[in-house]
Amino acid sequence: MISMSVELKASVRDRVGKGAARELRRQGLVPAVIYGDKKAPLSIAISYKDTFRKIHDGGFLSHVIEIDVDGSKHRVIPKDYQLEPVRDFLVHVDFLRVGKNSTLTVEVPVHFENEEKSPGLKKGGVLNVVRHTVEVSVPADSIPEYLVVDLSKAEVGDSLHISAVDLPKGVVPTITDRDFTIATIAAPSALRSSEGAEDTAADEGDEDEKDEE
């Protein structure tokens, strides 16, 4: 599933600095900058409410956005945003211009499907997620909304690697030197405790035999 382009309205910022930023926030706006593509940085102001909602909807940093700056359209991708550490208040956003035929490096969320069909989970196994996102290189027009990991055949003790994921065309993981793990199906805690007790009993039996000798 390819992520859809998102739109934001913006206006040019004439003033910069802490005082100007505080004034913007009082107006329900957030200071931001558009940079890259060998063009001069553009200081803008965007809606606090709209931007904060998009961030908390998830996948903000992997969505191409079209920003309408006073009628001029700019195709960008969010590169970073700053939150005030105590109040979780949005302070600033950086956008990178997306040129024609651009290839981007983004973090794509991982979704797990068919948990109810997994033999290992049916037996009480636990899904241990190693990676909630995967960093990939991908054409700007082909960023997937998420990557799918199918659990329908996953047994207890299985490790699910990136090679098991059906990657969309053009999507290439940035880690290329190994078949990295995305998740595992761990044994139920009761089973692990039982096996641990059996191992302990076996070890004690070996010690008793040694003592008798």
N, C-alpha and C. Protein backbone atom coordinates (compact mmCIF):
# COMPACT_ATOMS: atom_id res chain seq x y z
N MET A 1 0.85 -1.19 0.00
CA MET A 1 0.00 0.00 0.00
C MET A 1 0.88 1.24 0.00
N ILE A 2 0.77 2.07 -1.05
CA ILE A 2 1.58 3.27 -1.17
C ILE A 2 0.99 4.38 -0.31
N SER A 3 1.84 5.08 0.44
CA SER A 3 1.35 6.17 1.28
C SER A 3 0.86 7.31 0.41
N MET A 4 -0.23 7.91 0.82
CA MET A 4 -0.83 9.00 0.06
C MET A 4 -0.16 10.32 0.42
N SER A 5 -0.11 11.21 -0.55
CA SER A 5 0.44 12.54 -0.31
C SER A 5 -0.51 13.32 0.59
N VAL A 6 0.07 14.10 1.50
CA VAL A 6 -0.70 14.90 2.45
C VAL A 6 -0.52 16.37 2.09
N GLU A 7 -1.51 17.17 2.40
CA GLU A 7 -1.41 18.59 2.09
C GLU A 7 -1.44 19.43 3.38
N LEU A 8 -0.67 20.51 3.37
CA LEU A 8 -0.67 21.48 4.46
C LEU A 8 -0.69 22.88 3.88
N LYS A 9 -1.38 23.78 4.55
CA LYS A 9 -1.37 25.19 4.18
C LYS A 9 -0.28 25.88 5.00
N ALA A 10 0.37 26.88 4.39
CA ALA A 10 1.42 27.61 5.08
C ALA A 10 1.50 29.03 4.57
N SER A 11 2.21 29.85 5.32
CA SER A 11 2.47 31.22 4.90
C SER A 11 3.94 31.52 5.16
N VAL A 12 4.50 32.45 4.41
CA VAL A 12 5.90 32.83 4.57
C VAL A 12 6.08 33.58 5.89
N ARG A 13 7.18 33.25 6.58
CA ARG A 13 7.52 33.97 7.82
C ARG A 13 8.49 35.10 7.48
N ASP A 14 8.11 36.31 7.83
CA ASP A 14 9.00 37.45 7.60
C ASP A 14 10.00 37.63 8.73
N ARG A 15 9.60 37.19 9.93
CA ARG A 15 10.46 37.36 11.10
C ARG A 15 10.86 36.00 11.64
N VAL A 16 12.09 35.92 12.14
CA VAL A 16 12.57 34.70 12.77
C VAL A 16 13.08 35.05 14.16
N GLY A 17 13.39 34.01 14.96
CA GLY A 17 13.85 34.25 16.32
C GLY A 17 12.82 33.80 17.34
N LYS A 18 13.23 33.78 18.62
CA LYS A 18 12.37 33.25 19.69
C LYS A 18 11.10 34.09 19.87
N GLY A 19 11.25 35.40 19.80
CA GLY A 19 10.08 36.26 19.98
C GLY A 19 9.04 36.03 18.90
N ALA A 20 9.51 35.96 17.67
CA ALA A 20 8.59 35.72 16.55
C ALA A 20 7.94 34.35 16.66
N ALA A 21 8.72 33.36 17.11
CA ALA A 21 8.17 32.00 17.25
C ALA A 21 7.09 31.97 18.32
N ARG A 22 7.31 32.67 19.43
CA ARG A 22 6.29 32.71 20.50
C ARG A 22 5.01 33.37 19.99
N GLU A 23 5.15 34.41 19.19
CA GLU A 23 3.98 35.09 18.64
C GLU A 23 3.20 34.16 17.71
N LEU A 24 3.92 33.37 16.90
CA LEU A 24 3.26 32.42 16.01
C LEU A 24 2.45 31.40 16.81
N ARG A 25 3.05 30.90 17.89
CA ARG A 25 2.36 29.88 18.69
C ARG A 25 1.11 30.45 19.34
N ARG A 26 1.14 31.71 19.71
CA ARG A 26 -0.06 32.34 20.27
C ARG A 26 -1.17 32.41 19.22
N GLN A 27 -0.78 32.41 17.94
CA GLN A 27 -1.75 32.44 16.85
C GLN A 27 -2.15 31.04 16.37
N GLY A 28 -1.66 30.01 17.08
CA GLY A 28 -1.99 28.63 16.69
C GLY A 28 -1.17 28.13 15.53
N LEU A 29 0.03 28.71 15.34
CA LEU A 29 0.90 28.32 14.24
C LEU A 29 2.22 27.78 14.77
N VAL A 30 2.96 27.09 13.90
CA VAL A 30 4.27 26.53 14.25
C VAL A 30 5.29 27.00 13.22
N PRO A 31 6.48 27.47 13.67
CA PRO A 31 7.53 27.82 12.70
C PRO A 31 8.11 26.58 12.06
N ALA A 32 8.44 26.68 10.77
CA ALA A 32 9.02 25.56 10.03
C ALA A 32 9.93 26.12 8.94
N VAL A 33 10.76 25.22 8.39
CA VAL A 33 11.68 25.61 7.32
C VAL A 33 11.63 24.55 6.22
N ILE A 34 11.60 25.00 4.97
CA ILE A 34 11.74 24.12 3.81
C ILE A 34 13.14 24.35 3.24
N TYR A 35 13.91 23.27 3.06
CA TYR A 35 15.27 23.42 2.54
C TYR A 35 15.58 22.29 1.56
N GLY A 36 16.77 22.38 0.95
CA GLY A 36 17.22 21.31 0.05
C GLY A 36 16.93 21.60 -1.41
N ASP A 37 17.29 20.63 -2.27
CA ASP A 37 17.11 20.69 -3.72
C ASP A 37 17.84 21.90 -4.33
N LYS A 38 18.96 22.26 -3.69
CA LYS A 38 19.84 23.34 -4.18
C LYS A 38 19.12 24.69 -4.28
N LYS A 39 18.16 24.88 -3.39
CA LYS A 39 17.43 26.15 -3.34
C LYS A 39 17.59 26.77 -1.95
N ALA A 40 17.34 28.06 -1.86
CA ALA A 40 17.47 28.76 -0.58
C ALA A 40 16.42 28.27 0.41
N PRO A 41 16.78 28.18 1.70
CA PRO A 41 15.79 27.80 2.71
C PRO A 41 14.62 28.78 2.73
N LEU A 42 13.42 28.24 3.01
CA LEU A 42 12.22 29.06 3.05
C LEU A 42 11.59 28.91 4.43
N SER A 43 11.52 30.03 5.17
CA SER A 43 10.92 30.02 6.51
C SER A 43 9.40 30.20 6.38
N ILE A 44 8.67 29.29 6.98
CA ILE A 44 7.20 29.31 6.86
C ILE A 44 6.54 29.12 8.22
N ALA A 45 5.24 29.34 8.25
CA ALA A 45 4.42 29.06 9.43
C ALA A 45 3.29 28.12 9.01
N ILE A 46 3.06 27.07 9.80
CA ILE A 46 2.02 26.09 9.49
C ILE A 46 1.09 25.92 10.68
N SER A 47 -0.07 25.35 10.45
CA SER A 47 -1.06 25.16 11.50
C SER A 47 -0.55 24.19 12.57
N TYR A 48 -0.59 24.63 13.82
CA TYR A 48 -0.18 23.76 14.93
C TYR A 48 -1.11 22.55 15.02
N LYS A 49 -2.40 22.80 15.00
CA LYS A 49 -3.39 21.73 15.18
C LYS A 49 -3.26 20.67 14.10
N ASP A 50 -3.21 21.09 12.83
CA ASP A 50 -3.14 20.13 11.72
C ASP A 50 -1.84 19.32 11.76
N THR A 51 -0.73 20.00 12.03
CA THR A 51 0.58 19.34 12.02
C THR A 51 0.71 18.38 13.19
N PHE A 52 0.28 18.80 14.37
CA PHE A 52 0.37 17.94 15.56
C PHE A 52 -0.47 16.68 15.38
N ARG A 53 -1.65 16.83 14.77
CA ARG A 53 -2.51 15.67 14.52
C ARG A 53 -1.85 14.69 13.56
N LYS A 54 -1.22 15.23 12.50
CA LYS A 54 -0.57 14.35 11.52
C LYS A 54 0.61 13.60 12.16
N ILE A 55 1.33 14.26 13.05
CA ILE A 55 2.45 13.60 13.74
C ILE A 55 1.94 12.44 14.57
N HIS A 56 0.86 12.67 15.31
CA HIS A 56 0.35 11.63 16.21
C HIS A 56 -0.51 10.59 15.50
N ASP A 57 -0.84 10.83 14.25
CA ASP A 57 -1.51 9.78 13.45
C ASP A 57 -0.52 8.69 13.06
N GLY A 58 0.79 9.01 13.13
CA GLY A 58 1.82 8.03 12.79
C GLY A 58 2.31 8.16 11.36
N GLY A 59 3.57 7.78 11.14
CA GLY A 59 4.14 7.79 9.80
C GLY A 59 4.44 9.16 9.24
N PHE A 60 4.47 10.19 10.11
CA PHE A 60 4.66 11.56 9.63
C PHE A 60 5.95 11.71 8.83
N LEU A 61 7.04 11.08 9.31
CA LEU A 61 8.34 11.25 8.66
C LEU A 61 8.51 10.39 7.41
N SER A 62 7.48 9.64 7.03
CA SER A 62 7.58 8.84 5.81
C SER A 62 6.49 9.19 4.81
N HIS A 63 5.89 10.36 4.96
CA HIS A 63 4.86 10.81 4.03
C HIS A 63 5.36 12.01 3.23
N VAL A 64 5.20 11.93 1.92
CA VAL A 64 5.46 13.11 1.09
C VAL A 64 4.30 14.08 1.29
N ILE A 65 4.63 15.35 1.48
CA ILE A 65 3.63 16.38 1.76
C ILE A 65 3.71 17.47 0.71
N GLU A 66 2.55 17.94 0.29
CA GLU A 66 2.50 19.11 -0.59
C GLU A 66 2.10 20.30 0.27
N ILE A 67 3.00 21.25 0.40
CA ILE A 67 2.73 22.45 1.20
C ILE A 67 2.39 23.61 0.27
N ASP A 68 1.23 24.17 0.54
CA ASP A 68 0.78 25.34 -0.22
C ASP A 68 1.21 26.58 0.55
N VAL A 69 2.26 27.24 0.06
CA VAL A 69 2.77 28.45 0.72
C VAL A 69 2.27 29.67 -0.03
N ASP A 70 1.19 30.23 0.50
CA ASP A 70 0.60 31.42 -0.12
C ASP A 70 0.34 31.21 -1.62
N GLY A 71 -0.15 30.02 -1.97
CA GLY A 71 -0.50 29.73 -3.36
C GLY A 71 0.58 29.04 -4.17
N SER A 72 1.79 28.99 -3.63
CA SER A 72 2.90 28.30 -4.32
C SER A 72 3.08 26.91 -3.72
N LYS A 73 3.05 25.87 -4.56
CA LYS A 73 3.11 24.48 -4.09
C LYS A 73 4.56 24.01 -3.95
N HIS A 74 4.85 23.34 -2.82
CA HIS A 74 6.18 22.79 -2.56
C HIS A 74 6.01 21.32 -2.15
N ARG A 75 6.68 20.43 -2.87
CA ARG A 75 6.62 19.00 -2.56
C ARG A 75 7.78 18.66 -1.64
N VAL A 76 7.46 18.18 -0.43
CA VAL A 76 8.48 17.99 0.61
C VAL A 76 8.23 16.69 1.35
N ILE A 77 9.21 16.33 2.19
CA ILE A 77 9.03 15.25 3.16
C ILE A 77 9.55 15.76 4.50
N PRO A 78 8.83 15.53 5.59
CA PRO A 78 9.31 15.97 6.90
C PRO A 78 10.61 15.24 7.26
N LYS A 79 11.61 15.98 7.69
CA LYS A 79 12.89 15.38 8.07
C LYS A 79 13.07 15.35 9.59
N ASP A 80 12.46 16.29 10.29
CA ASP A 80 12.62 16.32 11.74
C ASP A 80 11.59 17.27 12.34
N TYR A 81 11.27 17.03 13.60
CA TYR A 81 10.44 17.98 14.34
C TYR A 81 10.89 17.98 15.79
N GLN A 82 10.73 19.12 16.42
CA GLN A 82 11.15 19.26 17.82
C GLN A 82 9.93 19.43 18.72
N LEU A 83 9.93 18.69 19.82
CA LEU A 83 8.89 18.82 20.83
C LEU A 83 9.49 19.40 22.10
N GLU A 84 8.74 20.28 22.76
CA GLU A 84 9.17 20.80 24.05
C GLU A 84 9.17 19.62 25.02
N PRO A 85 10.33 19.30 25.65
CA PRO A 85 10.48 18.03 26.37
C PRO A 85 9.54 17.82 27.54
N VAL A 86 9.12 18.88 28.21
CA VAL A 86 8.28 18.72 29.41
C VAL A 86 6.81 18.59 29.04
N ARG A 87 6.34 19.47 28.16
CA ARG A 87 4.90 19.51 27.86
C ARG A 87 4.53 18.80 26.56
N ASP A 88 5.52 18.21 25.85
CA ASP A 88 5.26 17.52 24.59
C ASP A 88 4.63 18.48 23.58
N PHE A 89 5.09 19.73 23.61
CA PHE A 89 4.54 20.80 22.78
C PHE A 89 5.37 20.93 21.51
N LEU A 90 4.71 20.96 20.35
CA LEU A 90 5.42 21.06 19.07
C LEU A 90 6.07 22.43 18.92
N VAL A 91 7.39 22.43 18.66
CA VAL A 91 8.15 23.67 18.64
C VAL A 91 8.56 24.07 17.22
N HIS A 92 8.98 23.10 16.39
CA HIS A 92 9.53 23.45 15.08
C HIS A 92 9.51 22.22 14.18
N VAL A 93 9.40 22.44 12.86
CA VAL A 93 9.42 21.34 11.89
C VAL A 93 10.37 21.68 10.75
N ASP A 94 11.16 20.70 10.32
CA ASP A 94 12.05 20.85 9.16
C ASP A 94 11.51 19.98 8.02
N PHE A 95 11.41 20.58 6.83
CA PHE A 95 10.96 19.86 5.65
C PHE A 95 12.07 19.86 4.60
N LEU A 96 12.22 18.74 3.90
CA LEU A 96 13.19 18.63 2.81
C LEU A 96 12.45 18.59 1.48
N ARG A 97 12.86 19.46 0.55
CA ARG A 97 12.25 19.45 -0.78
C ARG A 97 12.47 18.11 -1.47
N VAL A 98 11.45 17.65 -2.17
CA VAL A 98 11.53 16.39 -2.91
C VAL A 98 11.56 16.73 -4.40
N GLY A 99 12.71 16.53 -5.04
CA GLY A 99 12.83 16.82 -6.46
C GLY A 99 12.25 15.70 -7.32
N LYS A 100 12.18 15.95 -8.61
CA LYS A 100 11.68 14.95 -9.54
C LYS A 100 12.59 13.73 -9.54
N ASN A 101 11.99 12.53 -9.50
CA ASN A 101 12.72 11.26 -9.50
C ASN A 101 13.62 11.09 -8.28
N SER A 102 13.27 11.74 -7.17
CA SER A 102 14.08 11.62 -5.94
C SER A 102 13.95 10.23 -5.33
N THR A 103 15.05 9.76 -4.77
CA THR A 103 15.05 8.54 -3.96
C THR A 103 15.32 8.96 -2.52
N LEU A 104 14.49 8.50 -1.60
CA LEU A 104 14.58 8.93 -0.21
C LEU A 104 14.92 7.77 0.71
N THR A 105 15.48 8.10 1.85
CA THR A 105 15.70 7.12 2.92
C THR A 105 14.71 7.42 4.03
N VAL A 106 13.81 6.49 4.30
CA VAL A 106 12.75 6.71 5.29
C VAL A 106 12.57 5.48 6.17
N GLU A 107 11.96 5.71 7.34
CA GLU A 107 11.58 4.62 8.24
C GLU A 107 10.13 4.25 7.97
N VAL A 108 9.89 2.99 7.60
CA VAL A 108 8.54 2.54 7.28
C VAL A 108 8.04 1.62 8.41
N PRO A 109 6.84 1.87 8.93
CA PRO A 109 6.30 1.02 10.01
C PRO A 109 6.09 -0.42 9.55
N VAL A 110 6.14 -1.35 10.50
CA VAL A 110 5.90 -2.77 10.23
C VAL A 110 4.54 -3.15 10.82
N HIS A 111 3.69 -3.80 10.03
CA HIS A 111 2.42 -4.31 10.50
C HIS A 111 2.47 -5.84 10.49
N PHE A 112 1.89 -6.44 11.52
CA PHE A 112 1.85 -7.90 11.62
C PHE A 112 0.42 -8.37 11.36
N GLU A 113 0.29 -9.32 10.42
CA GLU A 113 -1.03 -9.80 10.04
C GLU A 113 -1.18 -11.30 10.32
N ASN A 114 -2.43 -11.74 10.46
CA ASN A 114 -2.80 -13.15 10.68
C ASN A 114 -2.27 -13.70 12.00
N GLU A 115 -2.25 -12.85 13.02
CA GLU A 115 -1.83 -13.33 14.35
C GLU A 115 -2.74 -14.46 14.83
N GLU A 116 -4.04 -14.36 14.50
CA GLU A 116 -5.00 -15.36 14.96
C GLU A 116 -4.78 -16.72 14.29
N LYS A 117 -4.02 -16.76 13.19
CA LYS A 117 -3.75 -18.02 12.48
C LYS A 117 -2.40 -18.64 12.85
N SER A 118 -1.57 -17.91 13.57
CA SER A 118 -0.22 -18.39 13.89
C SER A 118 -0.26 -19.60 14.81
N PRO A 119 0.30 -20.74 14.38
CA PRO A 119 0.33 -21.92 15.25
C PRO A 119 1.07 -21.65 16.55
N GLY A 120 2.17 -20.89 16.46
CA GLY A 120 2.95 -20.60 17.66
C GLY A 120 2.20 -19.75 18.66
N LEU A 121 1.47 -18.75 18.18
CA LEU A 121 0.71 -17.88 19.08
C LEU A 121 -0.49 -18.63 19.66
N LYS A 122 -1.07 -19.54 18.87
CA LYS A 122 -2.19 -20.35 19.38
C LYS A 122 -1.74 -21.23 20.55
N LYS A 123 -0.47 -21.64 20.53
CA LYS A 123 0.07 -22.48 21.60
C LYS A 123 0.49 -21.67 22.82
N GLY A 124 0.26 -20.36 22.76
CA GLY A 124 0.63 -19.51 23.89
C GLY A 124 1.94 -18.77 23.71
N GLY A 125 2.53 -18.91 22.51
CA GLY A 125 3.77 -18.19 22.23
C GLY A 125 3.55 -16.69 22.26
N VAL A 126 4.64 -15.95 22.39
CA VAL A 126 4.57 -14.49 22.50
C VAL A 126 5.30 -13.85 21.32
N LEU A 127 4.62 -12.88 20.67
CA LEU A 127 5.25 -12.15 19.58
C LEU A 127 6.21 -11.12 20.17
N ASN A 128 7.49 -11.29 19.88
CA ASN A 128 8.53 -10.37 20.36
C ASN A 128 8.99 -9.52 19.17
N VAL A 129 8.57 -8.26 19.13
CA VAL A 129 8.89 -7.38 18.01
C VAL A 129 10.28 -6.78 18.21
N VAL A 130 11.17 -7.07 17.28
CA VAL A 130 12.54 -6.55 17.33
C VAL A 130 12.62 -5.19 16.66
N ARG A 131 11.89 -5.04 15.54
CA ARG A 131 11.89 -3.77 14.79
C ARG A 131 10.45 -3.35 14.49
N HIS A 132 10.05 -2.20 15.03
CA HIS A 132 8.73 -1.65 14.73
C HIS A 132 8.73 -0.89 13.41
N THR A 133 9.92 -0.48 12.96
CA THR A 133 10.08 0.19 11.67
C THR A 133 11.31 -0.38 10.97
N VAL A 134 11.36 -0.23 9.65
CA VAL A 134 12.51 -0.66 8.86
C VAL A 134 12.95 0.53 8.00
N GLU A 135 14.24 0.84 8.05
CA GLU A 135 14.76 1.93 7.22
C GLU A 135 14.99 1.39 5.81
N VAL A 136 14.41 2.12 4.83
CA VAL A 136 14.52 1.69 3.44
C VAL A 136 14.88 2.87 2.55
N SER A 137 15.43 2.53 1.39
CA SER A 137 15.65 3.50 0.31
C SER A 137 14.56 3.25 -0.72
N VAL A 138 13.87 4.32 -1.15
CA VAL A 138 12.69 4.13 -1.99
C VAL A 138 12.42 5.38 -2.81
N PRO A 139 11.91 5.22 -4.04
CA PRO A 139 11.50 6.40 -4.82
C PRO A 139 10.43 7.18 -4.06
N ALA A 140 10.51 8.50 -4.16
CA ALA A 140 9.59 9.36 -3.41
C ALA A 140 8.12 9.06 -3.71
N ASP A 141 7.81 8.63 -4.92
CA ASP A 141 6.43 8.35 -5.30
C ASP A 141 5.97 6.94 -4.91
N SER A 142 6.87 6.15 -4.31
CA SER A 142 6.53 4.75 -4.03
C SER A 142 6.74 4.38 -2.56
N ILE A 143 6.69 5.35 -1.67
CA ILE A 143 6.88 5.04 -0.24
C ILE A 143 5.69 4.25 0.26
N PRO A 144 5.91 3.03 0.78
CA PRO A 144 4.78 2.25 1.28
C PRO A 144 4.27 2.79 2.61
N GLU A 145 2.97 2.65 2.83
CA GLU A 145 2.37 3.08 4.09
C GLU A 145 2.93 2.24 5.24
N TYR A 146 3.15 0.95 4.96
CA TYR A 146 3.73 0.03 5.95
C TYR A 146 4.21 -1.22 5.24
N LEU A 147 5.03 -2.01 5.95
CA LEU A 147 5.48 -3.32 5.46
C LEU A 147 4.70 -4.39 6.22
N VAL A 148 4.35 -5.47 5.53
CA VAL A 148 3.52 -6.52 6.13
C VAL A 148 4.34 -7.76 6.45
N VAL A 149 4.22 -8.23 7.69
CA VAL A 149 4.81 -9.51 8.10
C VAL A 149 3.66 -10.48 8.36
N ASP A 150 3.63 -11.58 7.60
CA ASP A 150 2.56 -12.57 7.70
C ASP A 150 2.93 -13.60 8.77
N LEU A 151 2.07 -13.73 9.78
CA LEU A 151 2.34 -14.64 10.90
C LEU A 151 1.56 -15.96 10.79
N SER A 152 0.89 -16.20 9.67
CA SER A 152 -0.01 -17.35 9.56
C SER A 152 0.68 -18.70 9.74
N LYS A 153 1.99 -18.77 9.48
CA LYS A 153 2.70 -20.05 9.61
C LYS A 153 3.78 -20.02 10.70
N ALA A 154 3.80 -18.95 11.48
CA ALA A 154 4.87 -18.78 12.47
C ALA A 154 4.68 -19.71 13.66
N GLU A 155 5.72 -20.49 13.96
CA GLU A 155 5.72 -21.43 15.07
C GLU A 155 6.53 -20.88 16.24
N VAL A 156 6.37 -21.50 17.40
CA VAL A 156 7.18 -21.14 18.57
C VAL A 156 8.66 -21.36 18.24
N GLY A 157 9.48 -20.37 18.53
CA GLY A 157 10.90 -20.46 18.24
C GLY A 157 11.31 -19.89 16.90
N ASP A 158 10.33 -19.54 16.06
CA ASP A 158 10.65 -18.98 14.75
C ASP A 158 11.18 -17.55 14.86
N SER A 159 12.11 -17.22 13.97
CA SER A 159 12.56 -15.85 13.78
C SER A 159 12.09 -15.38 12.41
N LEU A 160 11.50 -14.22 12.36
CA LEU A 160 10.97 -13.67 11.11
C LEU A 160 11.93 -12.60 10.62
N HIS A 161 12.53 -12.85 9.45
CA HIS A 161 13.57 -11.98 8.92
C HIS A 161 13.03 -11.10 7.80
N ILE A 162 13.81 -10.10 7.39
CA ILE A 162 13.40 -9.19 6.33
C ILE A 162 13.19 -9.94 5.01
N SER A 163 13.89 -11.07 4.82
CA SER A 163 13.72 -11.85 3.59
C SER A 163 12.32 -12.44 3.46
N ALA A 164 11.58 -12.51 4.60
CA ALA A 164 10.23 -13.07 4.57
C ALA A 164 9.18 -12.01 4.23
N VAL A 165 9.62 -10.76 4.11
CA VAL A 165 8.69 -9.67 3.82
C VAL A 165 8.63 -9.44 2.31
N ASP A 166 7.41 -9.36 1.78
CA ASP A 166 7.21 -9.09 0.36
C ASP A 166 7.33 -7.58 0.15
N LEU A 167 8.53 -7.13 -0.18
CA LEU A 167 8.78 -5.70 -0.33
C LEU A 167 8.21 -5.17 -1.65
N PRO A 168 7.56 -4.02 -1.62
CA PRO A 168 7.05 -3.42 -2.86
C PRO A 168 8.21 -3.08 -3.81
N LYS A 169 7.90 -2.96 -5.07
CA LYS A 169 8.90 -2.65 -6.09
C LYS A 169 9.64 -1.35 -5.75
N GLY A 170 10.95 -1.40 -5.84
CA GLY A 170 11.76 -0.21 -5.61
C GLY A 170 12.15 0.01 -4.16
N VAL A 171 11.58 -0.77 -3.24
CA VAL A 171 11.89 -0.61 -1.81
C VAL A 171 13.07 -1.49 -1.45
N VAL A 172 14.16 -0.88 -0.98
CA VAL A 172 15.39 -1.62 -0.66
C VAL A 172 15.82 -1.28 0.77
N PRO A 173 15.95 -2.28 1.65
CA PRO A 173 16.43 -2.00 3.01
C PRO A 173 17.82 -1.40 2.98
N THR A 174 18.09 -0.45 3.89
CA THR A 174 19.42 0.16 3.93
C THR A 174 20.44 -0.79 4.55
N ILE A 175 19.98 -1.75 5.35
CA ILE A 175 20.89 -2.79 5.87
C ILE A 175 20.96 -3.89 4.84
N THR A 176 22.14 -4.08 4.25
CA THR A 176 22.28 -5.04 3.14
C THR A 176 23.24 -6.18 3.46
N ASP A 177 23.91 -6.11 4.61
CA ASP A 177 24.94 -7.11 4.89
C ASP A 177 24.43 -8.32 5.66
N ARG A 178 23.13 -8.32 6.01
CA ARG A 178 22.60 -9.47 6.74
C ARG A 178 21.08 -9.53 6.60
N ASP A 179 20.55 -10.73 6.82
CA ASP A 179 19.10 -10.95 6.78
C ASP A 179 18.57 -10.68 8.19
N PHE A 180 18.35 -9.41 8.51
CA PHE A 180 18.07 -9.03 9.90
C PHE A 180 16.68 -9.47 10.35
N THR A 181 16.57 -9.63 11.67
CA THR A 181 15.35 -10.13 12.30
C THR A 181 14.38 -8.98 12.57
N ILE A 182 13.11 -9.20 12.25
CA ILE A 182 12.07 -8.22 12.54
C ILE A 182 11.29 -8.62 13.80
N ALA A 183 11.08 -9.93 13.99
CA ALA A 183 10.34 -10.40 15.16
C ALA A 183 10.64 -11.87 15.40
N THR A 184 10.32 -12.33 16.59
CA THR A 184 10.44 -13.75 16.93
C THR A 184 9.17 -14.20 17.64
N ILE A 185 8.93 -15.49 17.63
CA ILE A 185 7.83 -16.07 18.41
C ILE A 185 8.48 -16.79 19.60
N ALA A 186 8.39 -16.18 20.76
CA ALA A 186 9.03 -16.73 21.96
C ALA A 186 8.12 -17.78 22.60
N ALA A 187 8.74 -18.74 23.30
CA ALA A 187 7.99 -19.78 23.98
C ALA A 187 7.18 -19.18 25.13
N PRO A 188 6.03 -19.78 25.46
CA PRO A 188 5.25 -19.30 26.60
C PRO A 188 6.09 -19.34 27.88
N SER A 189 5.86 -18.42 28.79
CA SER A 189 6.65 -18.36 30.02
C SER A 189 6.47 -19.63 30.85
N ALA A 190 5.27 -20.21 30.84
CA ALA A 190 5.04 -21.44 31.60
C ALA A 190 5.89 -22.58 31.06
N LEU A 191 6.00 -22.65 29.71
CA LEU A 191 6.80 -23.70 29.08
C LEU A 191 8.28 -23.49 29.40
N ARG A 192 8.73 -22.22 29.35
CA ARG A 192 10.12 -21.92 29.65
C ARG A 192 10.44 -22.28 31.11
N SER A 193 9.49 -21.98 32.02
CA SER A 193 9.70 -22.29 33.44
C SER A 193 9.77 -23.79 33.66
N SER A 194 8.88 -24.54 32.93
CA SER A 194 8.86 -25.99 33.05
C SER A 194 10.17 -26.60 32.55
N GLU A 195 10.63 -26.10 31.39
CA GLU A 195 11.88 -26.62 30.84
C GLU A 195 13.05 -26.28 31.75
N GLY A 196 13.00 -25.08 32.36
CA GLY A 196 14.06 -24.69 33.28
C GLY A 196 14.09 -25.59 34.50
N ALA A 197 12.91 -25.94 35.01
CA ALA A 197 12.83 -26.81 36.19
C ALA A 197 13.35 -28.20 35.85
N GLU A 198 13.01 -28.69 34.64
CA GLU A 198 13.48 -30.00 34.21
C GLU A 198 15.00 -30.02 34.09
N ASP A 199 15.56 -28.94 33.53
CA ASP A 199 17.00 -28.85 33.39
C ASP A 199 17.68 -28.84 34.75
N THR A 200 17.08 -28.12 35.71
CA THR A 200 17.65 -28.04 37.06
C THR A 200 17.61 -29.40 37.73
N ALA A 201 16.45 -30.08 37.56
CA ALA A 201 16.32 -31.41 38.17
C ALA A 201 17.33 -32.38 37.57
N ALA A 202 17.54 -32.29 36.25
CA ALA A 202 18.50 -33.17 35.59
C ALA A 202 19.91 -32.88 36.09
N ASP A 203 20.23 -31.61 36.27
CA ASP A 203 21.56 -31.25 36.77
C ASP A 203 21.76 -31.77 38.18
N GLU A 204 20.71 -31.67 39.02
CA GLU A 204 20.82 -32.16 40.40
C GLU A 204 20.97 -33.68 40.43
N GLY A 205 20.27 -34.36 39.47
CA GLY A 205 20.39 -35.82 39.39
C GLY A 205 21.80 -36.22 39.03
N ASP A 206 22.43 -35.46 38.13
CA ASP A 206 23.81 -35.75 37.75
C ASP A 206 24.74 -35.57 38.94
N GLU A 207 24.48 -34.55 39.74
CA GLU A 207 25.32 -34.29 40.92
C GLU A 207 25.17 -35.42 41.94
N ASP A 208 23.90 -35.91 42.10
CA ASP A 208 23.67 -37.00 43.06
C ASP A 208 24.42 -38.26 42.65
N GLU A 209 24.40 -38.53 41.32
CA GLU A 209 25.10 -39.71 40.83
C GLU A 209 26.59 -39.61 41.09
N LYS A 210 27.13 -38.39 40.94
CA LYS A 210 28.56 -38.19 41.20
C LYS A 210 28.89 -38.43 42.67
N ASP A 211 27.95 -37.97 43.57
CA ASP A 211 28.18 -38.14 44.99
C ASP A 211 28.21 -39.61 45.38
N GLU A 212 27.31 -40.41 44.75
CA GLU A 212 27.24 -41.84 45.07
C GLU A 212 28.51 -42.54 44.63
N GLU A 213 29.10 -42.05 43.53
CA GLU A 213 30.33 -42.66 43.05
C GLU A 213 31.45 -42.37 44.04
